[in-house]
Each structure stands twice: as C-alpha cells, then as structure tokens.
Amino acid sequence: MLLRTSRSSVALLNGSETPSQLDGLAQDCFLYFGLGCRNVSLMLVPRSYNFHTFITQAASVFRTLLQNHSGYRNALRHARACFMMTEAGTPQGGALPDFFILKESDQLNPPMA
C-alpha cells in the first residue's frame, strides 16, 4: 500500500507483495533518483521482513542505470560515508551493497546530501 502526500510517499509492506507490485515500488523509490516530489522515502515493514525479493526486483530494473550515473554514484558514496561515520555498523543493502543504502530509521525524509 502507498500513502502519498504532496511531498513524499510511504510504502506499507507485509511480505505478500507480487513481483509486479515490487517493480512498481522500485519505480516509486528510484525514478528521478529519489528526488521526485512523491518518491517513496520510507518503507514500513514487519521486523521479520525479507528484503531480498525487493532488492532483486529493483536491481533488475535500476541497478545498471544508477551505477552508471556519476551524480547518483557520487551521492551514494557521500551518503554511505556519512552513514558509516554517524551510525554503528555498516549500511545494509543485502546482496547489493553498491546499489543503495537500506537502514532502519523513524525519519520520513532522508537526510540532505
């Protein structure tokens, strides 16, 4: 389920999403490099949620595009460095640590780069 406002969107996942729904979610997360006025910036999931299927679906559509975009790659490198300096541990991205940062947070909007 997506909850949209004029500036951001939240995805509510329960683990029963279809590949088609996860593809749509990946588009909502990564189109316009996350800078669209209604991009999903927060996913609410059960504690036991397995992100592997979402990561695989997102990678099939966006991984190559985003990794080959120098602006996105530089912003990701910067965000990863900031995260590693301010948080305990390392960023989570499952099988794709070079693709995006996945972290537990109660903030609706991501930090500014």
N, C-alpha and C. Protein backbone atom coordinates (compact mmCIF):
# COMPACT_ATOMS: atom_id res chain seq x y z
N MET A 1 0.84 -1.15 0.00
CA MET A 1 0.00 0.00 0.00
C MET A 1 0.90 1.23 0.00
N LEU A 2 0.55 2.25 -0.78
CA LEU A 2 1.28 3.51 -0.79
C LEU A 2 0.44 4.59 -0.16
N LEU A 3 1.04 5.37 0.69
CA LEU A 3 0.41 6.55 1.28
C LEU A 3 1.15 7.75 0.72
N ARG A 4 0.45 8.62 -0.01
CA ARG A 4 1.10 9.74 -0.67
C ARG A 4 0.65 11.07 -0.08
N THR A 5 1.60 11.99 0.03
CA THR A 5 1.29 13.38 0.34
C THR A 5 1.84 14.21 -0.81
N SER A 6 1.81 15.50 -0.67
CA SER A 6 2.30 16.34 -1.77
C SER A 6 3.82 16.33 -1.88
N ARG A 7 4.52 15.89 -0.85
CA ARG A 7 5.99 15.94 -0.86
C ARG A 7 6.67 14.59 -0.74
N SER A 8 6.01 13.60 -0.22
CA SER A 8 6.67 12.31 -0.03
C SER A 8 5.63 11.19 0.00
N SER A 9 6.13 9.97 -0.05
CA SER A 9 5.27 8.79 0.00
C SER A 9 5.87 7.75 0.92
N VAL A 10 5.00 6.96 1.52
CA VAL A 10 5.39 5.88 2.42
C VAL A 10 4.80 4.59 1.86
N ALA A 11 5.61 3.53 1.83
CA ALA A 11 5.13 2.21 1.39
C ALA A 11 4.93 1.34 2.63
N LEU A 12 3.80 0.68 2.69
CA LEU A 12 3.49 -0.24 3.78
C LEU A 12 3.51 -1.65 3.21
N LEU A 13 4.50 -2.46 3.62
CA LEU A 13 4.69 -3.80 3.08
C LEU A 13 4.40 -4.85 4.15
N ASN A 14 3.86 -6.00 3.71
CA ASN A 14 3.61 -7.07 4.67
C ASN A 14 4.27 -8.39 4.28
N GLY A 15 4.94 -8.43 3.12
CA GLY A 15 5.62 -9.64 2.69
C GLY A 15 4.86 -10.44 1.66
N SER A 16 3.63 -10.06 1.35
CA SER A 16 2.84 -10.81 0.37
C SER A 16 2.76 -10.09 -0.98
N GLU A 17 3.64 -9.12 -1.22
CA GLU A 17 3.61 -8.34 -2.45
C GLU A 17 4.02 -9.20 -3.65
N THR A 18 3.38 -8.95 -4.77
CA THR A 18 3.69 -9.66 -6.01
C THR A 18 4.92 -9.03 -6.67
N PRO A 19 5.58 -9.75 -7.58
CA PRO A 19 6.70 -9.14 -8.32
C PRO A 19 6.29 -7.85 -9.03
N SER A 20 5.08 -7.81 -9.56
CA SER A 20 4.60 -6.60 -10.23
C SER A 20 4.48 -5.43 -9.25
N GLN A 21 3.99 -5.70 -8.06
CA GLN A 21 3.88 -4.65 -7.04
C GLN A 21 5.27 -4.17 -6.60
N LEU A 22 6.21 -5.11 -6.46
CA LEU A 22 7.57 -4.73 -6.07
C LEU A 22 8.26 -3.94 -7.17
N ASP A 23 7.97 -4.26 -8.43
CA ASP A 23 8.51 -3.49 -9.54
C ASP A 23 7.98 -2.06 -9.48
N GLY A 24 6.70 -1.91 -9.22
CA GLY A 24 6.12 -0.57 -9.08
C GLY A 24 6.73 0.18 -7.91
N LEU A 25 6.98 -0.52 -6.81
CA LEU A 25 7.61 0.11 -5.65
C LEU A 25 9.02 0.55 -5.99
N ALA A 26 9.77 -0.29 -6.70
CA ALA A 26 11.13 0.09 -7.11
C ALA A 26 11.09 1.36 -7.95
N GLN A 27 10.12 1.46 -8.85
CA GLN A 27 10.00 2.67 -9.66
C GLN A 27 9.69 3.87 -8.77
N ASP A 28 8.79 3.69 -7.79
CA ASP A 28 8.45 4.78 -6.89
C ASP A 28 9.64 5.20 -6.02
N CYS A 29 10.56 4.28 -5.75
CA CYS A 29 11.74 4.60 -4.93
C CYS A 29 12.85 5.25 -5.75
N PHE A 30 13.09 4.76 -6.98
CA PHE A 30 14.30 5.13 -7.69
C PHE A 30 14.13 6.02 -8.91
N LEU A 31 12.91 6.16 -9.44
CA LEU A 31 12.74 7.07 -10.58
C LEU A 31 13.12 8.48 -10.14
N TYR A 32 13.74 9.21 -11.00
CA TYR A 32 14.21 10.56 -10.71
C TYR A 32 15.21 10.57 -9.56
N PHE A 33 15.89 9.44 -9.37
CA PHE A 33 16.96 9.30 -8.37
C PHE A 33 16.48 9.62 -6.96
N GLY A 34 15.21 9.34 -6.69
CA GLY A 34 14.66 9.59 -5.37
C GLY A 34 14.33 11.03 -5.10
N LEU A 35 14.46 11.89 -6.11
CA LEU A 35 14.24 13.32 -5.91
C LEU A 35 12.88 13.80 -6.41
N GLY A 36 12.07 12.90 -6.91
CA GLY A 36 10.73 13.29 -7.33
C GLY A 36 9.92 13.73 -6.12
N CYS A 37 8.97 14.61 -6.32
CA CYS A 37 8.24 15.17 -5.18
C CYS A 37 7.42 14.12 -4.45
N ARG A 38 7.17 12.97 -5.10
CA ARG A 38 6.37 11.94 -4.44
C ARG A 38 7.09 10.60 -4.40
N ASN A 39 8.40 10.58 -4.49
CA ASN A 39 9.13 9.32 -4.39
C ASN A 39 8.96 8.71 -3.00
N VAL A 40 8.91 7.39 -2.96
CA VAL A 40 8.85 6.69 -1.68
C VAL A 40 10.19 6.88 -0.96
N SER A 41 10.13 7.41 0.25
CA SER A 41 11.35 7.62 1.02
C SER A 41 11.35 6.81 2.31
N LEU A 42 10.24 6.13 2.60
CA LEU A 42 10.14 5.34 3.82
C LEU A 42 9.30 4.10 3.52
N MET A 43 9.82 2.94 3.93
CA MET A 43 9.08 1.69 3.81
C MET A 43 8.83 1.16 5.22
N LEU A 44 7.58 0.95 5.55
CA LEU A 44 7.22 0.36 6.84
C LEU A 44 7.03 -1.13 6.62
N VAL A 45 7.78 -1.92 7.36
CA VAL A 45 7.78 -3.38 7.16
C VAL A 45 7.75 -4.08 8.52
N PRO A 46 7.27 -5.32 8.55
CA PRO A 46 7.36 -6.10 9.79
C PRO A 46 8.83 -6.37 10.14
N ARG A 47 9.13 -6.58 11.40
CA ARG A 47 10.52 -6.83 11.82
C ARG A 47 11.14 -8.00 11.06
N SER A 48 10.35 -8.99 10.71
CA SER A 48 10.87 -10.19 10.05
C SER A 48 10.87 -10.08 8.53
N TYR A 49 10.64 -8.90 7.98
CA TYR A 49 10.53 -8.74 6.53
C TYR A 49 11.85 -9.10 5.84
N ASN A 50 11.77 -9.85 4.76
CA ASN A 50 12.94 -10.25 3.98
C ASN A 50 13.02 -9.34 2.76
N PHE A 51 14.04 -8.50 2.69
CA PHE A 51 14.19 -7.53 1.61
C PHE A 51 14.77 -8.14 0.32
N HIS A 52 15.17 -9.39 0.35
CA HIS A 52 15.83 -10.00 -0.81
C HIS A 52 15.01 -9.87 -2.09
N THR A 53 13.72 -10.15 -2.03
CA THR A 53 12.88 -10.10 -3.23
C THR A 53 12.79 -8.68 -3.77
N PHE A 54 12.61 -7.70 -2.88
CA PHE A 54 12.55 -6.30 -3.32
C PHE A 54 13.87 -5.87 -3.94
N ILE A 55 14.98 -6.22 -3.31
CA ILE A 55 16.30 -5.85 -3.82
C ILE A 55 16.53 -6.46 -5.19
N THR A 56 16.18 -7.72 -5.35
CA THR A 56 16.34 -8.39 -6.64
C THR A 56 15.49 -7.73 -7.72
N GLN A 57 14.25 -7.41 -7.39
CA GLN A 57 13.35 -6.76 -8.35
C GLN A 57 13.86 -5.37 -8.72
N ALA A 58 14.30 -4.60 -7.74
CA ALA A 58 14.82 -3.27 -8.01
C ALA A 58 16.09 -3.34 -8.85
N ALA A 59 16.95 -4.30 -8.55
CA ALA A 59 18.20 -4.44 -9.29
C ALA A 59 17.95 -4.75 -10.75
N SER A 60 16.93 -5.56 -11.03
CA SER A 60 16.67 -5.94 -12.42
C SER A 60 16.30 -4.75 -13.28
N VAL A 61 15.78 -3.71 -12.68
CA VAL A 61 15.35 -2.53 -13.44
C VAL A 61 16.34 -1.38 -13.33
N PHE A 62 16.86 -1.12 -12.13
CA PHE A 62 17.57 0.13 -11.88
C PHE A 62 19.05 0.03 -11.59
N ARG A 63 19.57 -1.13 -11.23
CA ARG A 63 20.97 -1.21 -10.78
C ARG A 63 21.95 -0.65 -11.80
N THR A 64 21.91 -1.12 -13.03
CA THR A 64 22.86 -0.67 -14.04
C THR A 64 22.70 0.82 -14.32
N LEU A 65 21.46 1.27 -14.45
CA LEU A 65 21.20 2.68 -14.72
C LEU A 65 21.80 3.56 -13.64
N LEU A 66 21.54 3.22 -12.38
CA LEU A 66 22.01 4.06 -11.29
C LEU A 66 23.51 3.98 -11.10
N GLN A 67 24.10 2.81 -11.25
CA GLN A 67 25.54 2.68 -11.08
C GLN A 67 26.31 3.41 -12.17
N ASN A 68 25.72 3.56 -13.34
CA ASN A 68 26.40 4.24 -14.43
C ASN A 68 26.13 5.73 -14.47
N HIS A 69 25.37 6.24 -13.53
CA HIS A 69 25.08 7.68 -13.45
C HIS A 69 26.03 8.29 -12.43
N SER A 70 26.96 9.11 -12.88
CA SER A 70 28.01 9.62 -11.99
C SER A 70 27.45 10.43 -10.83
N GLY A 71 26.42 11.22 -11.07
CA GLY A 71 25.83 12.01 -9.99
C GLY A 71 25.24 11.13 -8.90
N TYR A 72 24.50 10.10 -9.30
CA TYR A 72 23.91 9.18 -8.32
C TYR A 72 25.01 8.43 -7.59
N ARG A 73 26.00 7.95 -8.33
CA ARG A 73 27.11 7.19 -7.73
C ARG A 73 27.85 8.04 -6.70
N ASN A 74 28.11 9.31 -7.03
CA ASN A 74 28.80 10.20 -6.09
C ASN A 74 27.95 10.49 -4.86
N ALA A 75 26.64 10.71 -5.07
CA ALA A 75 25.75 10.96 -3.93
C ALA A 75 25.66 9.73 -3.03
N LEU A 76 25.63 8.54 -3.63
CA LEU A 76 25.59 7.30 -2.85
C LEU A 76 26.88 7.14 -2.04
N ARG A 77 28.00 7.41 -2.65
CA ARG A 77 29.29 7.32 -1.95
C ARG A 77 29.31 8.29 -0.76
N HIS A 78 28.82 9.51 -0.98
CA HIS A 78 28.77 10.51 0.09
C HIS A 78 27.83 10.06 1.21
N ALA A 79 26.63 9.60 0.84
CA ALA A 79 25.65 9.16 1.83
C ALA A 79 26.18 7.97 2.63
N ARG A 80 26.83 7.04 1.95
CA ARG A 80 27.39 5.87 2.64
C ARG A 80 28.47 6.30 3.63
N ALA A 81 29.33 7.24 3.24
CA ALA A 81 30.38 7.71 4.14
C ALA A 81 29.77 8.41 5.36
N CYS A 82 28.78 9.26 5.14
CA CYS A 82 28.12 9.94 6.26
C CYS A 82 27.45 8.94 7.18
N PHE A 83 26.79 7.95 6.61
CA PHE A 83 26.11 6.93 7.41
C PHE A 83 27.12 6.16 8.25
N MET A 84 28.22 5.77 7.66
CA MET A 84 29.22 4.98 8.37
C MET A 84 29.89 5.79 9.48
N MET A 85 29.96 7.12 9.33
CA MET A 85 30.56 7.95 10.37
C MET A 85 29.59 8.22 11.52
N THR A 86 28.29 8.19 11.25
CA THR A 86 27.33 8.57 12.27
C THR A 86 26.56 7.40 12.87
N GLU A 87 26.58 6.25 12.24
CA GLU A 87 25.81 5.09 12.70
C GLU A 87 26.76 3.97 13.08
N ALA A 88 26.30 3.13 13.99
CA ALA A 88 27.08 1.93 14.33
C ALA A 88 26.87 0.90 13.23
N GLY A 89 27.92 0.26 12.83
CA GLY A 89 27.81 -0.78 11.81
C GLY A 89 27.94 -0.23 10.40
N THR A 90 27.53 -1.02 9.46
CA THR A 90 27.64 -0.64 8.06
C THR A 90 26.26 -0.60 7.43
N PRO A 91 26.09 0.14 6.35
CA PRO A 91 24.78 0.20 5.69
C PRO A 91 24.36 -1.16 5.17
N GLN A 92 23.06 -1.39 5.15
CA GLN A 92 22.52 -2.65 4.69
C GLN A 92 21.98 -2.50 3.28
N GLY A 93 22.32 -3.41 2.41
CA GLY A 93 21.78 -3.44 1.07
C GLY A 93 21.63 -4.86 0.61
N GLY A 94 21.69 -5.79 1.55
CA GLY A 94 21.56 -7.19 1.21
C GLY A 94 22.64 -7.61 0.25
N ALA A 95 22.24 -8.20 -0.86
CA ALA A 95 23.19 -8.71 -1.84
C ALA A 95 23.76 -7.60 -2.70
N LEU A 96 23.27 -6.38 -2.56
CA LEU A 96 23.68 -5.29 -3.46
C LEU A 96 24.17 -4.08 -2.67
N PRO A 97 25.24 -4.20 -1.92
CA PRO A 97 25.68 -3.06 -1.12
C PRO A 97 26.16 -1.87 -1.94
N ASP A 98 26.38 -2.06 -3.23
CA ASP A 98 26.83 -0.96 -4.07
C ASP A 98 25.68 -0.27 -4.80
N PHE A 99 24.45 -0.59 -4.46
CA PHE A 99 23.29 -0.13 -5.20
C PHE A 99 22.51 0.96 -4.46
N PHE A 100 22.30 0.79 -3.17
CA PHE A 100 21.59 1.78 -2.36
C PHE A 100 21.84 1.48 -0.89
N ILE A 101 21.43 2.39 -0.04
CA ILE A 101 21.56 2.20 1.40
C ILE A 101 20.18 1.91 1.97
N LEU A 102 20.11 0.86 2.75
CA LEU A 102 18.88 0.48 3.42
C LEU A 102 19.16 0.50 4.90
N LYS A 103 18.46 1.36 5.63
CA LYS A 103 18.71 1.44 7.07
C LYS A 103 17.42 1.61 7.84
N GLU A 104 17.46 1.18 9.07
CA GLU A 104 16.32 1.34 9.96
C GLU A 104 16.30 2.77 10.46
N SER A 105 15.14 3.42 10.35
CA SER A 105 15.01 4.81 10.78
C SER A 105 13.55 5.13 11.03
N ASP A 106 13.32 6.11 11.89
CA ASP A 106 11.95 6.57 12.10
C ASP A 106 11.71 7.93 11.43
N GLN A 107 12.64 8.37 10.60
CA GLN A 107 12.52 9.64 9.90
C GLN A 107 11.80 9.45 8.57
N LEU A 108 10.84 10.32 8.26
CA LEU A 108 10.11 10.22 7.00
C LEU A 108 10.98 10.63 5.82
N ASN A 109 11.69 11.72 5.94
CA ASN A 109 12.50 12.21 4.83
C ASN A 109 13.96 11.83 5.01
N PRO A 110 14.64 11.47 3.92
CA PRO A 110 16.06 11.13 4.02
C PRO A 110 16.87 12.39 4.32
N PRO A 111 18.07 12.21 4.87
CA PRO A 111 18.91 13.38 5.17
C PRO A 111 19.35 14.07 3.89
N MET A 112 19.61 15.35 3.99
CA MET A 112 20.11 16.11 2.85
C MET A 112 21.55 15.72 2.58
N ALA A 113 21.93 15.69 1.32
CA ALA A 113 23.31 15.34 0.96
C ALA A 113 24.22 16.52 1.16
